[in-house]
Amino acid sequence: MSYTNPDPEPERTTGLEPGGGVPPGETPPAESSLPEAGPRETHNPTKGWAKGPLALILLLVVLVAAFFLVYAIVLAL
């Protein structure tokens, strides 16, 4: 793996004061990206709901809907 320094070189960057400071009114140099940054992609878990919690939520929705359906039928009689 090769290492690249992400910081700008003060000798070659315009607009920098001695010591690397930026004078008022100047835009600081942009930072380069780090290609080696971040975790390695060794494990990519699936995204989304697990089957157990999703089944419990669906069961709860069906039970509540059935309760209100039976309640409406009882009120209609």
N, C-alpha and C. Protein backbone atom coordinates (compact mmCIF):
# COMPACT_ATOMS: atom_id res chain seq x y z
N MET A 1 0.84 -1.15 0.00
CA MET A 1 0.00 0.00 0.00
C MET A 1 0.89 1.23 0.00
N SER A 2 0.66 2.14 -0.92
CA SER A 2 1.49 3.34 -0.98
C SER A 2 0.85 4.46 -0.17
N TYR A 3 1.69 5.27 0.43
CA TYR A 3 1.21 6.37 1.26
C TYR A 3 1.31 7.66 0.47
N THR A 4 0.22 8.43 0.43
CA THR A 4 0.24 9.75 -0.17
C THR A 4 -0.14 10.76 0.89
N ASN A 5 0.63 11.83 0.98
CA ASN A 5 0.38 12.86 1.97
C ASN A 5 -0.80 13.72 1.51
N PRO A 6 -1.88 13.81 2.31
CA PRO A 6 -3.05 14.57 1.88
C PRO A 6 -2.89 16.07 2.04
N ASP A 7 -1.88 16.53 2.77
CA ASP A 7 -1.70 17.95 3.02
C ASP A 7 -1.00 18.61 1.83
N PRO A 8 -1.36 19.87 1.55
CA PRO A 8 -0.67 20.57 0.45
C PRO A 8 0.76 20.91 0.84
N GLU A 9 1.62 21.00 -0.15
CA GLU A 9 3.01 21.36 0.12
C GLU A 9 3.11 22.87 0.27
N PRO A 10 3.53 23.38 1.44
CA PRO A 10 3.57 24.82 1.64
C PRO A 10 4.49 25.55 0.67
N GLU A 11 5.56 24.91 0.21
CA GLU A 11 6.48 25.57 -0.71
C GLU A 11 5.86 25.79 -2.08
N ARG A 12 4.92 24.95 -2.46
CA ARG A 12 4.35 25.00 -3.81
C ARG A 12 2.92 25.53 -3.83
N THR A 13 2.34 25.87 -2.69
CA THR A 13 0.97 26.33 -2.62
C THR A 13 0.93 27.84 -2.52
N THR A 14 0.20 28.48 -3.43
CA THR A 14 0.13 29.94 -3.41
C THR A 14 -0.84 30.40 -2.33
N GLY A 15 -0.63 31.60 -1.82
CA GLY A 15 -1.53 32.19 -0.85
C GLY A 15 -1.25 31.81 0.59
N LEU A 16 -0.16 31.08 0.85
CA LEU A 16 0.18 30.71 2.22
C LEU A 16 1.28 31.62 2.74
N GLU A 17 1.14 32.01 3.98
CA GLU A 17 2.19 32.78 4.64
C GLU A 17 3.27 31.83 5.14
N PRO A 18 4.44 32.34 5.49
CA PRO A 18 5.46 31.46 6.06
C PRO A 18 4.91 30.78 7.32
N GLY A 19 5.09 29.51 7.43
CA GLY A 19 4.55 28.74 8.55
C GLY A 19 3.25 28.05 8.20
N GLY A 20 2.70 28.31 7.02
CA GLY A 20 1.51 27.61 6.58
C GLY A 20 0.21 28.32 6.85
N GLY A 21 0.23 29.54 7.40
CA GLY A 21 -1.01 30.27 7.67
C GLY A 21 -1.60 30.87 6.40
N VAL A 22 -2.86 31.22 6.46
CA VAL A 22 -3.56 31.83 5.33
C VAL A 22 -3.84 33.28 5.67
N PRO A 23 -3.44 34.23 4.82
CA PRO A 23 -3.70 35.64 5.10
C PRO A 23 -5.20 35.95 5.00
N PRO A 24 -5.66 37.03 5.65
CA PRO A 24 -7.08 37.39 5.58
C PRO A 24 -7.51 37.63 4.13
N GLY A 25 -8.68 37.15 3.78
CA GLY A 25 -9.20 37.31 2.43
C GLY A 25 -8.82 36.20 1.47
N GLU A 26 -7.92 35.34 1.84
CA GLU A 26 -7.52 34.23 0.98
C GLU A 26 -8.33 32.99 1.31
N THR A 27 -8.55 32.19 0.31
CA THR A 27 -9.21 30.90 0.51
C THR A 27 -8.15 29.85 0.79
N PRO A 28 -8.30 29.08 1.86
CA PRO A 28 -7.29 28.06 2.14
C PRO A 28 -7.30 26.98 1.06
N PRO A 29 -6.17 26.33 0.85
CA PRO A 29 -6.12 25.28 -0.18
C PRO A 29 -7.00 24.10 0.22
N ALA A 30 -7.53 23.44 -0.79
CA ALA A 30 -8.40 22.30 -0.56
C ALA A 30 -7.58 21.11 -0.10
N GLU A 31 -8.20 20.28 0.72
CA GLU A 31 -7.55 19.07 1.19
C GLU A 31 -7.79 17.98 0.18
N SER A 32 -6.76 17.22 -0.13
CA SER A 32 -6.94 16.13 -1.08
C SER A 32 -7.61 14.95 -0.38
N SER A 33 -8.16 14.06 -1.18
CA SER A 33 -8.85 12.92 -0.61
C SER A 33 -7.86 11.87 -0.11
N LEU A 34 -8.34 11.01 0.74
CA LEU A 34 -7.52 9.93 1.28
C LEU A 34 -8.02 8.60 0.72
N PRO A 35 -7.33 8.05 -0.26
CA PRO A 35 -7.82 6.80 -0.84
C PRO A 35 -7.75 5.63 0.14
N GLU A 36 -6.89 5.70 1.15
CA GLU A 36 -6.77 4.60 2.09
C GLU A 36 -7.71 4.76 3.29
N ALA A 37 -8.46 5.83 3.35
CA ALA A 37 -9.30 6.10 4.52
C ALA A 37 -10.52 5.19 4.54
N GLY A 38 -11.01 4.92 5.72
CA GLY A 38 -12.23 4.15 5.88
C GLY A 38 -11.96 2.68 6.12
N PRO A 39 -12.96 1.98 6.59
CA PRO A 39 -12.79 0.55 6.86
C PRO A 39 -12.77 -0.26 5.58
N ARG A 40 -12.15 -1.39 5.67
CA ARG A 40 -12.14 -2.29 4.52
C ARG A 40 -13.51 -2.94 4.39
N GLU A 41 -13.89 -3.23 3.17
CA GLU A 41 -15.19 -3.86 2.90
C GLU A 41 -15.06 -5.38 3.06
N THR A 42 -14.96 -5.84 4.30
CA THR A 42 -14.85 -7.27 4.52
C THR A 42 -16.20 -7.90 4.84
N HIS A 43 -17.11 -7.11 5.41
CA HIS A 43 -18.43 -7.63 5.77
C HIS A 43 -19.46 -6.61 5.35
N ASN A 44 -20.38 -7.01 4.51
CA ASN A 44 -21.42 -6.11 4.02
C ASN A 44 -22.77 -6.67 4.44
N PRO A 45 -23.27 -6.25 5.63
CA PRO A 45 -24.55 -6.80 6.08
C PRO A 45 -25.70 -6.30 5.21
N THR A 46 -26.74 -7.10 5.15
CA THR A 46 -27.91 -6.72 4.37
C THR A 46 -28.63 -5.58 5.08
N LYS A 47 -29.27 -4.76 4.30
CA LYS A 47 -30.01 -3.64 4.86
C LYS A 47 -31.49 -3.98 4.82
N GLY A 48 -32.24 -3.42 5.72
CA GLY A 48 -33.67 -3.65 5.73
C GLY A 48 -34.11 -4.28 7.04
N TRP A 49 -35.38 -4.60 7.09
CA TRP A 49 -35.96 -5.17 8.31
C TRP A 49 -35.64 -6.64 8.42
N ALA A 50 -35.43 -7.08 9.64
CA ALA A 50 -35.26 -8.51 9.89
C ALA A 50 -36.64 -9.17 9.81
N LYS A 51 -36.67 -10.44 9.55
CA LYS A 51 -37.95 -11.13 9.35
C LYS A 51 -38.76 -11.21 10.64
N GLY A 52 -38.11 -11.40 11.79
CA GLY A 52 -38.84 -11.52 13.06
C GLY A 52 -39.58 -10.25 13.45
N PRO A 53 -38.90 -9.10 13.56
CA PRO A 53 -39.62 -7.87 13.91
C PRO A 53 -40.69 -7.48 12.89
N LEU A 54 -40.42 -7.70 11.61
CA LEU A 54 -41.39 -7.37 10.58
C LEU A 54 -42.64 -8.25 10.72
N ALA A 55 -42.46 -9.53 11.03
CA ALA A 55 -43.60 -10.43 11.22
C ALA A 55 -44.41 -10.01 12.44
N LEU A 56 -43.76 -9.60 13.52
CA LEU A 56 -44.49 -9.15 14.71
C LEU A 56 -45.28 -7.88 14.44
N ILE A 57 -44.72 -6.96 13.71
CA ILE A 57 -45.43 -5.72 13.38
C ILE A 57 -46.64 -6.03 12.49
N LEU A 58 -46.45 -6.88 11.50
CA LEU A 58 -47.57 -7.24 10.63
C LEU A 58 -48.66 -7.96 11.42
N LEU A 59 -48.30 -8.83 12.34
CA LEU A 59 -49.28 -9.53 13.17
C LEU A 59 -50.05 -8.54 14.03
N LEU A 60 -49.37 -7.58 14.59
CA LEU A 60 -50.03 -6.56 15.40
C LEU A 60 -50.99 -5.73 14.56
N VAL A 61 -50.61 -5.37 13.36
CA VAL A 61 -51.49 -4.61 12.47
C VAL A 61 -52.73 -5.42 12.11
N VAL A 62 -52.57 -6.69 11.83
CA VAL A 62 -53.71 -7.55 11.50
C VAL A 62 -54.64 -7.68 12.70
N LEU A 63 -54.09 -7.85 13.90
CA LEU A 63 -54.93 -7.97 15.09
C LEU A 63 -55.71 -6.69 15.37
N VAL A 64 -55.08 -5.54 15.22
CA VAL A 64 -55.77 -4.27 15.44
C VAL A 64 -56.85 -4.07 14.39
N ALA A 65 -56.56 -4.38 13.14
CA ALA A 65 -57.56 -4.25 12.08
C ALA A 65 -58.73 -5.20 12.33
N ALA A 66 -58.45 -6.43 12.77
CA ALA A 66 -59.53 -7.38 13.06
C ALA A 66 -60.37 -6.89 14.24
N PHE A 67 -59.73 -6.32 15.26
CA PHE A 67 -60.48 -5.79 16.40
C PHE A 67 -61.46 -4.71 15.95
N PHE A 68 -60.99 -3.75 15.15
CA PHE A 68 -61.87 -2.67 14.70
C PHE A 68 -62.95 -3.17 13.74
N LEU A 69 -62.66 -4.19 12.94
CA LEU A 69 -63.66 -4.76 12.06
C LEU A 69 -64.77 -5.43 12.87
N VAL A 70 -64.39 -6.22 13.87
CA VAL A 70 -65.39 -6.87 14.74
C VAL A 70 -66.16 -5.82 15.53
N TYR A 71 -65.51 -4.79 15.99
CA TYR A 71 -66.18 -3.71 16.74
C TYR A 71 -67.20 -3.00 15.87
N ALA A 72 -66.87 -2.75 14.60
CA ALA A 72 -67.80 -2.10 13.69
C ALA A 72 -69.00 -3.01 13.40
N ILE A 73 -68.75 -4.30 13.27
CA ILE A 73 -69.86 -5.24 13.00
C ILE A 73 -70.79 -5.31 14.22
N VAL A 74 -70.23 -5.33 15.43
CA VAL A 74 -71.06 -5.39 16.65
C VAL A 74 -71.88 -4.11 16.79
N LEU A 75 -71.32 -2.96 16.46
CA LEU A 75 -72.07 -1.70 16.55
C LEU A 75 -73.18 -1.64 15.50
N ALA A 76 -72.98 -2.26 14.36
CA ALA A 76 -73.97 -2.22 13.30
C ALA A 76 -75.18 -3.08 13.63
N LEU A 77 -75.02 -4.06 14.48
CA LEU A 77 -76.15 -4.96 14.80
C LEU A 77 -77.03 -4.38 15.81
